[in-house]
Amino acid sequence: MPVTGIGGLFFRASDPDALTDWYRTHLGVTPQGYTPWEQQAGPTMIMPFSKTTDYWPADKQWMFNFRVSDLEALIATLKQADIAVATDPAWNSPEAGRFARIHDPEGNAIELWEPPED
């Protein structure tokens, strides 16, 4: 297969510099300058959803899903920064892992995913 991974994710923003700072500060996922973020190896889902899905806001075309290694610690850090975090035990399962959801300052949905331990 010629594709070896995701090389980038590009999207429009009202204030790109402020949004880049928010992602860097709260999630640690955006580069400083043009140095790319180096993610850890692991599963990445590429999955189209129905146009009528209610899994994220209808006015948004996409949703981030970030793999995390310590969901509870990240949730605590986000809450300390006054970022609303949604959790629901129904989202979690031993097979799929644990989930939480937040939104960035421009209203983009972000799902945080802690995969199950091997």
C-alpha atoms as a PDB file:
ATOM      1  CA  MET A   1       0.000   0.000   0.000  1.00  0.00           C
ATOM      2  CA  PRO A   2       1.567   3.345  -0.971  1.00  0.00           C
ATOM      3  CA  VAL A   3       0.099   5.413   1.884  1.00  0.00           C
ATOM      4  CA  THR A   4       2.184   5.185   5.067  1.00  0.00           C
ATOM      5  CA  GLY A   5       0.411   7.622   7.399  1.00  0.00           C
ATOM      6  CA  ILE A   6      -1.238  10.987   7.780  1.00  0.00           C
ATOM      7  CA  GLY A   7       1.064  13.791   6.687  1.00  0.00           C
ATOM      8  CA  GLY A   8      -1.070  16.647   7.961  1.00  0.00           C
ATOM      9  CA  LEU A   9      -4.518  17.947   8.690  1.00  0.00           C
ATOM     10  CA  PHE A  10      -5.353  21.363   7.295  1.00  0.00           C
ATOM     11  CA  PHE A  11      -8.491  23.341   8.085  1.00  0.00           C
ATOM     12  CA  ARG A  12      -9.761  26.901   8.057  1.00  0.00           C
ATOM     13  CA  ALA A  13      -9.831  29.018  11.206  1.00  0.00           C
ATOM     14  CA  SER A  14     -10.986  32.530  12.018  1.00  0.00           C
ATOM     15  CA  ASP A  15      -7.768  33.160  13.960  1.00  0.00           C
ATOM     16  CA  PRO A  16      -5.170  30.553  12.928  1.00  0.00           C
ATOM     17  CA  ASP A  17      -2.445  31.859  15.276  1.00  0.00           C
ATOM     18  CA  ALA A  18      -4.712  31.826  18.343  1.00  0.00           C
ATOM     19  CA  LEU A  19      -6.081  28.378  17.496  1.00  0.00           C
ATOM     20  CA  THR A  20      -2.565  27.020  16.941  1.00  0.00           C
ATOM     21  CA  ASP A  21      -1.574  28.364  20.375  1.00  0.00           C
ATOM     22  CA  TRP A  22      -4.673  26.762  21.972  1.00  0.00           C
ATOM     23  CA  TYR A  23      -3.886  23.321  20.486  1.00  0.00           C
ATOM     24  CA  ARG A  24      -0.226  23.637  21.515  1.00  0.00           C
ATOM     25  CA  THR A  25      -1.040  24.814  25.054  1.00  0.00           C
ATOM     26  CA  HIS A  26      -3.861  22.427  25.933  1.00  0.00           C
ATOM     27  CA  LEU A  27      -3.165  19.350  23.809  1.00  0.00           C
ATOM     28  CA  GLY A  28       0.483  19.664  22.788  1.00  0.00           C
ATOM     29  CA  VAL A  29      -0.263  18.725  19.184  1.00  0.00           C
ATOM     30  CA  THR A  30       0.685  21.687  17.016  1.00  0.00           C
ATOM     31  CA  PRO A  31       4.156  22.548  15.850  1.00  0.00           C
ATOM     32  CA  GLN A  32       6.287  25.501  16.796  1.00  0.00           C
ATOM     33  CA  GLY A  33       7.124  27.244  13.525  1.00  0.00           C
ATOM     34  CA  TYR A  34       7.438  24.657  10.781  1.00  0.00           C
ATOM     35  CA  THR A  35       8.746  21.802  12.923  1.00  0.00           C
ATOM     36  CA  PRO A  36       6.159  19.016  12.637  1.00  0.00           C
ATOM     37  CA  TRP A  37       4.525  17.384  15.620  1.00  0.00           C
ATOM     38  CA  GLU A  38       5.888  13.856  16.011  1.00  0.00           C
ATOM     39  CA  GLN A  39       3.126  11.530  17.108  1.00  0.00           C
ATOM     40  CA  GLN A  40       3.595   8.124  18.668  1.00  0.00           C
ATOM     41  CA  ALA A  41       2.926   5.064  16.552  1.00  0.00           C
ATOM     42  CA  GLY A  42      -0.504   3.595  17.060  1.00  0.00           C
ATOM     43  CA  PRO A  43      -3.876   3.065  15.472  1.00  0.00           C
ATOM     44  CA  THR A  44      -5.475   5.789  13.362  1.00  0.00           C
ATOM     45  CA  MET A  45      -9.080   5.492  12.204  1.00  0.00           C
ATOM     46  CA  ILE A  46     -10.180   6.953   8.875  1.00  0.00           C
ATOM     47  CA  MET A  47     -13.937   6.548   8.944  1.00  0.00           C
ATOM     48  CA  PRO A  48     -16.641   8.408   7.035  1.00  0.00           C
ATOM     49  CA  PHE A  49     -19.866   8.880   8.980  1.00  0.00           C
ATOM     50  CA  SER A  50     -23.374   9.375   7.622  1.00  0.00           C
ATOM     51  CA  LYS A  51     -24.136  12.942   6.560  1.00  0.00           C
ATOM     52  CA  THR A  52     -26.882  12.955   9.229  1.00  0.00           C
ATOM     53  CA  THR A  53     -24.726  11.751  12.143  1.00  0.00           C
ATOM     54  CA  ASP A  54     -25.285  13.383  15.514  1.00  0.00           C
ATOM     55  CA  TYR A  55     -21.879  12.186  16.783  1.00  0.00           C
ATOM     56  CA  TRP A  56     -20.575  15.792  16.466  1.00  0.00           C
ATOM     57  CA  PRO A  57     -22.240  19.146  15.633  1.00  0.00           C
ATOM     58  CA  ALA A  58     -24.138  19.191  12.336  1.00  0.00           C
ATOM     59  CA  ASP A  59     -22.536  22.466  11.223  1.00  0.00           C
ATOM     60  CA  LYS A  60     -19.044  20.895  11.268  1.00  0.00           C
ATOM     61  CA  GLN A  61     -17.736  18.645   8.505  1.00  0.00           C
ATOM     62  CA  TRP A  62     -15.168  16.790  10.635  1.00  0.00           C
ATOM     63  CA  MET A  63     -14.060  15.935  14.177  1.00  0.00           C
ATOM     64  CA  PHE A  64     -10.572  15.335  15.576  1.00  0.00           C
ATOM     65  CA  ASN A  65      -9.949  12.143  17.516  1.00  0.00           C
ATOM     66  CA  PHE A  66      -6.677  12.216  19.452  1.00  0.00           C
ATOM     67  CA  ARG A  67      -5.124   9.160  21.111  1.00  0.00           C
ATOM     68  CA  VAL A  68      -4.077   9.889  24.708  1.00  0.00           C
ATOM     69  CA  SER A  69      -2.095   7.883  27.237  1.00  0.00           C
ATOM     70  CA  ASP A  70      -3.640   9.162  30.489  1.00  0.00           C
ATOM     71  CA  LEU A  71      -7.176  10.385  29.915  1.00  0.00           C
ATOM     72  CA  GLU A  72      -7.876  11.181  33.581  1.00  0.00           C
ATOM     73  CA  ALA A  73      -4.799  13.403  33.900  1.00  0.00           C
ATOM     74  CA  LEU A  74      -5.625  15.226  30.657  1.00  0.00           C
ATOM     75  CA  ILE A  75      -9.235  15.764  31.768  1.00  0.00           C
ATOM     76  CA  ALA A  76      -8.009  17.253  35.051  1.00  0.00           C
ATOM     77  CA  THR A  77      -5.608  19.589  33.219  1.00  0.00           C
ATOM     78  CA  LEU A  78      -8.290  20.703  30.772  1.00  0.00           C
ATOM     79  CA  LYS A  79     -10.782  21.386  33.568  1.00  0.00           C
ATOM     80  CA  GLN A  80      -8.153  23.457  35.425  1.00  0.00           C
ATOM     81  CA  ALA A  81      -7.936  25.574  32.258  1.00  0.00           C
ATOM     82  CA  ASP A  82     -11.750  26.014  32.337  1.00  0.00           C
ATOM     83  CA  ILE A  83     -12.279  23.828  29.269  1.00  0.00           C
ATOM     84  CA  ALA A  84     -15.578  21.954  29.381  1.00  0.00           C
ATOM     85  CA  VAL A  85     -15.087  18.193  29.190  1.00  0.00           C
ATOM     86  CA  ALA A  86     -17.922  15.766  28.451  1.00  0.00           C
ATOM     87  CA  THR A  87     -17.712  12.133  29.472  1.00  0.00           C
ATOM     88  CA  ASP A  88     -20.280   9.338  29.392  1.00  0.00           C
ATOM     89  CA  PRO A  89     -19.676   5.805  30.678  1.00  0.00           C
ATOM     90  CA  ALA A  90     -21.776   4.532  27.743  1.00  0.00           C
ATOM     91  CA  TRP A  91     -19.022   5.702  25.346  1.00  0.00           C
ATOM     92  CA  ASN A  92     -16.469   3.412  27.011  1.00  0.00           C
ATOM     93  CA  SER A  93     -15.903  -0.312  26.590  1.00  0.00           C
ATOM     94  CA  PRO A  94     -13.123  -2.783  27.358  1.00  0.00           C
ATOM     95  CA  GLU A  95     -12.758  -3.452  23.605  1.00  0.00           C
ATOM     96  CA  ALA A  96     -12.693   0.176  22.403  1.00  0.00           C
ATOM     97  CA  GLY A  97     -11.239   2.058  25.364  1.00  0.00           C
ATOM     98  CA  ARG A  98     -12.284   5.294  27.085  1.00  0.00           C
ATOM     99  CA  PHE A  99     -13.471   8.577  25.586  1.00  0.00           C
ATOM    100  CA  ALA A 100     -14.034  12.228  26.452  1.00  0.00           C
ATOM    101  CA  ARG A 101     -15.073  15.172  24.303  1.00  0.00           C
ATOM    102  CA  ILE A 102     -14.120  18.828  24.220  1.00  0.00           C
ATOM    103  CA  HIS A 103     -14.424  21.711  21.747  1.00  0.00           C
ATOM    104  CA  ASP A 104     -11.732  24.118  20.647  1.00  0.00           C
ATOM    105  CA  PRO A 105     -12.351  27.896  20.827  1.00  0.00           C
ATOM    106  CA  GLU A 106     -13.868  27.859  17.322  1.00  0.00           C
ATOM    107  CA  GLY A 107     -16.373  25.122  18.209  1.00  0.00           C
ATOM    108  CA  ASN A 108     -14.609  22.207  16.510  1.00  0.00           C
ATOM    109  CA  ALA A 109     -15.349  18.893  18.200  1.00  0.00           C
ATOM    110  CA  ILE A 110     -12.399  16.956  19.623  1.00  0.00           C
ATOM    111  CA  GLU A 111     -12.698  13.407  20.878  1.00  0.00           C
ATOM    112  CA  LEU A 112     -10.011  12.202  23.285  1.00  0.00           C
ATOM    113  CA  TRP A 113      -9.453   8.460  23.138  1.00  0.00           C
ATOM    114  CA  GLU A 114      -7.498   6.271  25.524  1.00  0.00           C
ATOM    115  CA  PRO A 115      -7.181   2.900  23.764  1.00  0.00           C
ATOM    116  CA  PRO A 116      -7.561  -0.236  25.878  1.00  0.00           C
ATOM    117  CA  GLU A 117      -4.415  -1.614  27.435  1.00  0.00           C
ATOM    118  CA  ASP A 118      -2.909  -4.565  25.590  1.00  0.00           C
END
